[in-house]
């Protein structure tokens, strides 16, 4: 374990990226609220996603080793994504009522995740000029 030198600078956040849709490119931001329900893309109108639970489900949704059902956000979201991506697409939301994905208990016992690979937040570090 590395020793922290007395008077050493604390960790500093140098950049933040959010990925509002699984498998889509991250967006660099200066701050990141965790409650957005709007999706924007260049050349597209804004897609508003309501916080209500969708009534339709999509079966056979898979992320890495997980496969299950998800809540389908509907035709407007599907049309928006399909137009932007240039191929048939659906926007789905994790179905917390019927699906469970637990975090590896060796890292965070008792927590659950949705579609992320392993954890709801990913933090990376980089070498600094002060590292020896």
N, C-alpha and C. Protein backbone atom coordinates (compact mmCIF):
# COMPACT_ATOMS: atom_id res chain seq x y z
N UNK A 1 0.84 -1.19 0.00
CA UNK A 1 0.00 0.00 0.00
C UNK A 1 0.89 1.25 0.00
N UNK A 2 0.56 2.19 -0.84
CA UNK A 2 1.36 3.42 -0.94
C UNK A 2 1.10 4.32 0.26
N UNK A 3 2.14 4.99 0.70
CA UNK A 3 2.00 5.94 1.80
C UNK A 3 1.60 7.30 1.23
N UNK A 4 0.76 7.99 1.95
CA UNK A 4 0.38 9.34 1.56
C UNK A 4 1.32 10.30 2.29
N UNK A 5 1.99 11.15 1.54
CA UNK A 5 2.91 12.10 2.13
C UNK A 5 2.13 13.20 2.83
N UNK A 6 2.65 13.61 3.98
CA UNK A 6 2.02 14.70 4.71
C UNK A 6 2.01 15.95 3.85
N UNK A 7 0.88 16.62 3.75
CA UNK A 7 0.76 17.81 2.93
C UNK A 7 0.52 17.51 1.47
N UNK A 8 0.36 16.22 1.13
CA UNK A 8 0.12 15.86 -0.28
C UNK A 8 -1.26 16.33 -0.70
N UNK A 9 -1.38 16.68 -1.97
CA UNK A 9 -2.66 17.14 -2.49
C UNK A 9 -3.68 16.00 -2.49
N UNK A 10 -4.93 16.33 -2.25
CA UNK A 10 -6.01 15.35 -2.30
C UNK A 10 -6.31 15.03 -3.75
N UNK A 11 -7.07 13.98 -3.96
CA UNK A 11 -7.46 13.63 -5.33
C UNK A 11 -8.21 14.79 -5.96
N UNK A 12 -8.02 14.97 -7.26
CA UNK A 12 -8.65 16.06 -7.99
C UNK A 12 -9.39 15.49 -9.20
N UNK A 13 -10.63 15.86 -9.37
CA UNK A 13 -11.39 15.44 -10.53
C UNK A 13 -10.97 16.30 -11.71
N UNK A 14 -10.48 15.64 -12.78
CA UNK A 14 -10.03 16.39 -13.94
C UNK A 14 -11.04 16.36 -15.08
N UNK A 15 -11.93 15.37 -15.07
CA UNK A 15 -12.98 15.33 -16.09
C UNK A 15 -14.10 14.41 -15.64
N UNK A 16 -15.29 14.67 -16.15
CA UNK A 16 -16.47 13.86 -15.87
C UNK A 16 -17.13 13.54 -17.20
N UNK A 17 -17.45 12.29 -17.39
CA UNK A 17 -18.20 11.85 -18.56
C UNK A 17 -19.45 11.14 -18.07
N UNK A 18 -20.57 11.40 -18.69
CA UNK A 18 -21.80 10.67 -18.38
C UNK A 18 -22.18 9.84 -19.60
N UNK A 19 -22.75 8.71 -19.34
CA UNK A 19 -23.22 7.80 -20.41
C UNK A 19 -24.70 7.54 -20.13
N UNK A 20 -25.59 8.43 -20.58
CA UNK A 20 -27.01 8.29 -20.24
C UNK A 20 -27.66 7.06 -20.86
N UNK A 21 -27.09 6.55 -21.94
CA UNK A 21 -27.64 5.35 -22.57
C UNK A 21 -26.53 4.32 -22.66
N UNK A 22 -26.78 3.13 -22.14
CA UNK A 22 -25.80 2.05 -22.16
C UNK A 22 -25.28 1.83 -23.58
N UNK A 23 -23.99 1.72 -23.72
CA UNK A 23 -23.29 1.45 -24.98
C UNK A 23 -23.22 2.63 -25.94
N UNK A 24 -23.69 3.81 -25.53
CA UNK A 24 -23.55 4.99 -26.36
C UNK A 24 -22.36 5.81 -25.86
N UNK A 25 -21.85 6.68 -26.71
CA UNK A 25 -20.69 7.49 -26.36
C UNK A 25 -20.95 8.35 -25.13
N UNK A 26 -19.93 8.48 -24.29
CA UNK A 26 -20.02 9.35 -23.12
C UNK A 26 -19.95 10.80 -23.54
N UNK A 27 -20.46 11.67 -22.68
CA UNK A 27 -20.51 13.10 -22.93
C UNK A 27 -19.69 13.79 -21.84
N UNK A 28 -18.72 14.61 -22.22
CA UNK A 28 -17.92 15.35 -21.25
C UNK A 28 -18.77 16.48 -20.67
N UNK A 29 -18.80 16.58 -19.34
CA UNK A 29 -19.58 17.62 -18.67
C UNK A 29 -18.75 18.20 -17.52
N UNK A 30 -19.12 19.40 -17.08
CA UNK A 30 -18.42 20.00 -15.94
C UNK A 30 -19.05 19.59 -14.62
N UNK A 31 -20.30 19.17 -14.65
CA UNK A 31 -20.99 18.63 -13.48
C UNK A 31 -22.03 17.64 -13.98
N UNK A 32 -22.51 16.77 -13.10
CA UNK A 32 -23.39 15.71 -13.57
C UNK A 32 -24.52 15.40 -12.61
N UNK A 33 -25.68 16.02 -12.81
CA UNK A 33 -26.84 15.62 -12.01
C UNK A 33 -27.25 14.21 -12.42
N UNK A 34 -27.88 13.48 -11.52
CA UNK A 34 -28.21 12.09 -11.81
C UNK A 34 -29.72 11.92 -12.00
N UNK A 35 -30.41 12.93 -12.49
CA UNK A 35 -31.86 12.82 -12.60
C UNK A 35 -32.41 13.21 -13.96
N UNK A 36 -31.57 13.34 -14.96
CA UNK A 36 -32.02 13.80 -16.26
C UNK A 36 -32.97 12.80 -16.92
N UNK A 37 -34.01 13.32 -17.56
CA UNK A 37 -34.96 12.46 -18.30
C UNK A 37 -35.06 12.92 -19.75
N UNK A 38 -34.06 13.62 -20.23
CA UNK A 38 -34.07 14.14 -21.60
C UNK A 38 -32.83 13.66 -22.33
N UNK A 39 -33.00 13.22 -23.60
CA UNK A 39 -31.88 12.79 -24.41
C UNK A 39 -31.76 13.73 -25.59
N UNK A 40 -30.54 14.21 -25.85
CA UNK A 40 -30.27 15.11 -26.98
C UNK A 40 -29.16 14.53 -27.83
N UNK A 41 -29.20 14.83 -29.12
CA UNK A 41 -28.16 14.42 -30.06
C UNK A 41 -28.10 15.45 -31.17
N UNK A 42 -26.93 15.62 -31.77
CA UNK A 42 -26.79 16.60 -32.85
C UNK A 42 -27.77 16.32 -33.99
N UNK A 43 -28.45 17.38 -34.43
CA UNK A 43 -29.37 17.27 -35.55
C UNK A 43 -30.70 16.61 -35.22
N UNK A 44 -30.95 16.37 -33.95
CA UNK A 44 -32.19 15.71 -33.53
C UNK A 44 -32.94 16.60 -32.56
N UNK A 45 -34.25 16.47 -32.54
CA UNK A 45 -35.04 17.14 -31.52
C UNK A 45 -34.80 16.44 -30.19
N UNK A 46 -35.21 17.05 -29.12
CA UNK A 46 -35.04 16.46 -27.79
C UNK A 46 -36.03 15.32 -27.58
N UNK A 47 -35.54 14.21 -27.06
CA UNK A 47 -36.39 13.08 -26.70
C UNK A 47 -36.61 13.12 -25.20
N UNK A 48 -37.84 13.33 -24.79
CA UNK A 48 -38.17 13.39 -23.36
C UNK A 48 -38.63 12.01 -22.91
N UNK A 49 -38.00 11.52 -21.86
CA UNK A 49 -38.35 10.22 -21.30
C UNK A 49 -39.02 10.47 -19.95
N UNK A 50 -40.30 10.16 -19.83
CA UNK A 50 -41.00 10.40 -18.56
C UNK A 50 -40.51 9.44 -17.47
N UNK A 51 -40.64 9.85 -16.23
CA UNK A 51 -40.22 9.00 -15.12
C UNK A 51 -41.24 7.93 -14.77
N UNK A 52 -42.36 7.89 -15.46
CA UNK A 52 -43.36 6.86 -15.19
C UNK A 52 -42.86 5.51 -15.72
N UNK A 53 -43.36 4.45 -15.14
CA UNK A 53 -42.97 3.11 -15.56
C UNK A 53 -43.69 2.77 -16.87
N UNK A 54 -42.94 2.41 -17.92
CA UNK A 54 -43.58 2.04 -19.18
C UNK A 54 -44.45 0.79 -19.01
N UNK A 55 -45.48 0.66 -19.84
CA UNK A 55 -46.40 -0.48 -19.72
C UNK A 55 -45.96 -1.68 -20.53
N UNK A 56 -45.11 -1.48 -21.54
CA UNK A 56 -44.66 -2.59 -22.39
C UNK A 56 -43.33 -3.15 -21.90
N UNK A 57 -43.14 -4.45 -22.11
CA UNK A 57 -41.85 -5.05 -21.78
C UNK A 57 -41.19 -5.62 -23.03
N UNK A 58 -39.89 -5.74 -22.98
CA UNK A 58 -39.12 -6.34 -24.06
C UNK A 58 -38.37 -7.53 -23.46
N UNK A 59 -38.56 -8.70 -24.02
CA UNK A 59 -37.88 -9.90 -23.54
C UNK A 59 -36.59 -10.11 -24.31
N UNK A 60 -35.66 -10.86 -23.73
CA UNK A 60 -34.42 -11.19 -24.41
C UNK A 60 -33.41 -10.07 -24.49
N UNK A 61 -33.51 -9.11 -23.58
CA UNK A 61 -32.52 -8.02 -23.52
C UNK A 61 -31.27 -8.59 -22.86
N UNK A 62 -30.10 -8.31 -23.44
CA UNK A 62 -28.87 -8.85 -22.83
C UNK A 62 -27.80 -7.78 -22.72
N UNK A 63 -27.07 -7.83 -21.62
CA UNK A 63 -25.92 -6.99 -21.35
C UNK A 63 -24.86 -7.90 -20.77
N UNK A 64 -23.78 -8.09 -21.52
CA UNK A 64 -22.72 -9.01 -21.14
C UNK A 64 -23.31 -10.38 -20.83
N UNK A 65 -23.12 -10.89 -19.62
CA UNK A 65 -23.60 -12.24 -19.30
C UNK A 65 -25.06 -12.25 -18.83
N UNK A 66 -25.65 -11.09 -18.60
CA UNK A 66 -27.02 -11.02 -18.09
C UNK A 66 -28.02 -10.99 -19.25
N UNK A 67 -29.13 -11.70 -19.07
CA UNK A 67 -30.21 -11.67 -20.05
C UNK A 67 -31.53 -11.69 -19.28
N UNK A 68 -32.48 -10.88 -19.70
CA UNK A 68 -33.77 -10.83 -19.01
C UNK A 68 -34.73 -9.92 -19.73
N UNK A 69 -35.77 -9.50 -19.01
CA UNK A 69 -36.75 -8.60 -19.61
C UNK A 69 -36.47 -7.18 -19.14
N UNK A 70 -36.93 -6.22 -19.94
CA UNK A 70 -36.75 -4.81 -19.62
C UNK A 70 -38.02 -4.07 -20.01
N UNK A 71 -38.17 -2.87 -19.49
CA UNK A 71 -39.32 -2.04 -19.81
C UNK A 71 -39.04 -1.24 -21.07
N UNK A 72 -39.92 -1.34 -22.05
CA UNK A 72 -39.74 -0.67 -23.35
C UNK A 72 -40.28 0.75 -23.26
N UNK A 73 -39.47 1.74 -23.62
CA UNK A 73 -39.86 3.15 -23.53
C UNK A 73 -40.80 3.60 -24.64
N UNK A 74 -41.17 2.72 -25.56
CA UNK A 74 -42.22 3.03 -26.52
C UNK A 74 -41.77 3.44 -27.91
N UNK A 75 -42.78 3.67 -28.76
CA UNK A 75 -42.55 3.93 -30.18
C UNK A 75 -41.82 5.25 -30.44
N UNK A 76 -42.14 6.32 -29.71
CA UNK A 76 -41.46 7.60 -29.94
C UNK A 76 -39.96 7.47 -29.70
N UNK A 77 -39.59 6.82 -28.59
CA UNK A 77 -38.17 6.62 -28.28
C UNK A 77 -37.52 5.72 -29.32
N UNK A 78 -38.22 4.68 -29.73
CA UNK A 78 -37.69 3.76 -30.75
C UNK A 78 -37.45 4.49 -32.07
N UNK A 79 -38.42 5.29 -32.50
CA UNK A 79 -38.28 6.03 -33.75
C UNK A 79 -37.12 7.03 -33.68
N UNK A 80 -37.00 7.73 -32.56
CA UNK A 80 -35.93 8.71 -32.38
C UNK A 80 -34.57 8.03 -32.48
N UNK A 81 -34.38 6.95 -31.70
CA UNK A 81 -33.10 6.24 -31.73
C UNK A 81 -32.82 5.62 -33.08
N UNK A 82 -33.82 5.00 -33.68
CA UNK A 82 -33.64 4.36 -34.99
C UNK A 82 -33.21 5.37 -36.04
N UNK A 83 -33.82 6.55 -36.01
CA UNK A 83 -33.45 7.61 -36.96
C UNK A 83 -32.01 8.07 -36.72
N UNK A 84 -31.66 8.31 -35.48
CA UNK A 84 -30.33 8.80 -35.17
C UNK A 84 -29.24 7.76 -35.44
N UNK A 85 -29.49 6.52 -35.06
CA UNK A 85 -28.49 5.46 -35.24
C UNK A 85 -28.48 4.85 -36.63
N UNK A 86 -29.55 5.08 -37.39
CA UNK A 86 -29.61 4.55 -38.74
C UNK A 86 -29.90 3.07 -38.82
N UNK A 87 -30.46 2.51 -37.76
CA UNK A 87 -30.86 1.10 -37.77
C UNK A 87 -31.95 0.90 -36.72
N UNK A 88 -32.79 -0.11 -36.88
CA UNK A 88 -33.87 -0.33 -35.91
C UNK A 88 -33.33 -0.48 -34.49
N UNK A 89 -33.89 0.31 -33.56
CA UNK A 89 -33.41 0.31 -32.18
C UNK A 89 -34.58 0.49 -31.22
N UNK A 90 -34.40 0.01 -30.01
CA UNK A 90 -35.39 0.20 -28.94
C UNK A 90 -34.67 0.77 -27.73
N UNK A 91 -35.32 1.65 -26.99
CA UNK A 91 -34.79 2.16 -25.73
C UNK A 91 -35.54 1.43 -24.62
N UNK A 92 -34.78 0.75 -23.77
CA UNK A 92 -35.40 -0.01 -22.68
C UNK A 92 -34.83 0.45 -21.35
N UNK A 93 -35.61 0.23 -20.30
CA UNK A 93 -35.23 0.58 -18.94
C UNK A 93 -35.18 -0.71 -18.12
N UNK A 94 -34.23 -0.81 -17.23
CA UNK A 94 -34.11 -1.99 -16.38
C UNK A 94 -35.40 -2.19 -15.60
N UNK A 95 -35.88 -3.41 -15.54
CA UNK A 95 -37.13 -3.74 -14.85
C UNK A 95 -36.82 -4.18 -13.43
N UNK A 96 -36.76 -3.21 -12.52
CA UNK A 96 -36.41 -3.50 -11.12
C UNK A 96 -37.45 -4.38 -10.43
N UNK A 97 -38.67 -4.41 -10.94
CA UNK A 97 -39.72 -5.22 -10.31
C UNK A 97 -39.52 -6.71 -10.54
N UNK A 98 -38.88 -7.08 -11.66
CA UNK A 98 -38.75 -8.51 -11.97
C UNK A 98 -37.32 -8.99 -12.14
N UNK A 99 -36.35 -8.09 -12.20
CA UNK A 99 -34.97 -8.49 -12.47
C UNK A 99 -34.05 -8.05 -11.33
N UNK A 100 -33.00 -8.81 -11.09
CA UNK A 100 -32.03 -8.48 -10.06
C UNK A 100 -30.62 -8.69 -10.61
N UNK A 101 -29.76 -7.69 -10.42
CA UNK A 101 -28.33 -7.82 -10.73
C UNK A 101 -27.58 -7.30 -9.52
N UNK A 102 -26.99 -8.18 -8.77
CA UNK A 102 -26.26 -7.78 -7.57
C UNK A 102 -24.83 -7.40 -7.92
N UNK A 103 -24.29 -6.45 -7.19
CA UNK A 103 -22.88 -6.09 -7.31
C UNK A 103 -22.07 -7.22 -6.69
N UNK A 104 -20.90 -7.50 -7.23
CA UNK A 104 -20.00 -8.51 -6.69
C UNK A 104 -19.82 -8.26 -5.19
N UNK A 105 -20.19 -9.21 -4.32
CA UNK A 105 -20.12 -8.97 -2.87
C UNK A 105 -18.69 -8.76 -2.36
N UNK A 106 -17.68 -9.14 -3.12
CA UNK A 106 -16.31 -8.87 -2.70
C UNK A 106 -15.99 -7.39 -2.75
N UNK A 107 -16.81 -6.61 -3.47
CA UNK A 107 -16.55 -5.18 -3.62
C UNK A 107 -17.57 -4.30 -2.91
N UNK A 108 -18.83 -4.66 -2.97
CA UNK A 108 -19.88 -3.83 -2.36
C UNK A 108 -21.08 -4.70 -2.02
N UNK A 109 -21.01 -5.38 -0.93
CA UNK A 109 -22.06 -6.31 -0.51
C UNK A 109 -23.40 -5.59 -0.31
N UNK A 110 -24.46 -6.17 -0.87
CA UNK A 110 -25.81 -5.66 -0.65
C UNK A 110 -26.30 -4.64 -1.65
N UNK A 111 -25.48 -4.20 -2.59
CA UNK A 111 -25.90 -3.22 -3.58
C UNK A 111 -26.36 -3.91 -4.85
N UNK A 112 -27.27 -3.26 -5.56
CA UNK A 112 -27.76 -3.78 -6.83
C UNK A 112 -27.41 -2.79 -7.94
N UNK A 113 -27.28 -3.32 -9.16
CA UNK A 113 -27.03 -2.48 -10.33
C UNK A 113 -28.12 -2.76 -11.36
N UNK A 114 -28.09 -2.02 -12.43
CA UNK A 114 -29.06 -2.24 -13.50
C UNK A 114 -28.32 -2.70 -14.74
N UNK A 115 -28.19 -1.85 -15.77
CA UNK A 115 -27.50 -2.26 -16.99
C UNK A 115 -25.99 -2.02 -17.00
N UNK A 116 -25.41 -1.25 -16.07
CA UNK A 116 -23.96 -1.07 -16.15
C UNK A 116 -23.24 -2.40 -16.08
N UNK A 117 -21.99 -2.40 -16.54
CA UNK A 117 -21.22 -3.64 -16.54
C UNK A 117 -21.09 -4.25 -15.16
N UNK A 118 -20.74 -3.49 -14.17
CA UNK A 118 -20.60 -4.00 -12.81
C UNK A 118 -21.07 -3.03 -11.74
N UNK A 119 -20.90 -1.73 -11.97
CA UNK A 119 -21.16 -0.76 -10.91
C UNK A 119 -21.87 0.47 -11.49
N UNK A 120 -22.65 1.17 -10.68
CA UNK A 120 -23.37 2.34 -11.20
C UNK A 120 -22.47 3.52 -11.53
N UNK A 121 -21.27 3.58 -10.93
CA UNK A 121 -20.32 4.65 -11.21
C UNK A 121 -18.97 4.03 -11.48
N UNK A 122 -18.22 4.57 -12.40
CA UNK A 122 -16.89 4.09 -12.71
C UNK A 122 -15.92 5.25 -12.53
N UNK A 123 -14.92 5.05 -11.68
CA UNK A 123 -13.93 6.09 -11.45
C UNK A 123 -12.58 5.55 -11.87
N UNK A 124 -11.83 6.35 -12.60
CA UNK A 124 -10.50 6.00 -13.06
C UNK A 124 -9.50 7.00 -12.52
N UNK A 125 -8.27 6.56 -12.41
CA UNK A 125 -7.23 7.50 -12.00
C UNK A 125 -6.18 7.59 -13.10
N UNK A 126 -5.37 8.62 -13.02
CA UNK A 126 -4.30 8.79 -13.98
C UNK A 126 -3.04 9.17 -13.23
N UNK A 127 -1.92 8.91 -13.83
CA UNK A 127 -0.65 9.25 -13.22
C UNK A 127 -0.52 10.77 -13.14
N UNK A 128 -0.01 11.24 -12.04
CA UNK A 128 0.20 12.68 -11.91
C UNK A 128 1.68 12.97 -11.81
N UNK A 129 2.03 14.21 -11.90
CA UNK A 129 3.45 14.61 -11.79
C UNK A 129 4.00 14.35 -10.41
N UNK A 130 3.12 14.12 -9.42
CA UNK A 130 3.55 13.91 -8.05
C UNK A 130 3.77 12.44 -7.73
N UNK A 131 3.33 11.54 -8.62
CA UNK A 131 3.54 10.11 -8.37
C UNK A 131 5.01 9.77 -8.51
N UNK A 132 5.48 8.87 -7.66
CA UNK A 132 6.89 8.48 -7.77
C UNK A 132 7.01 6.99 -7.95
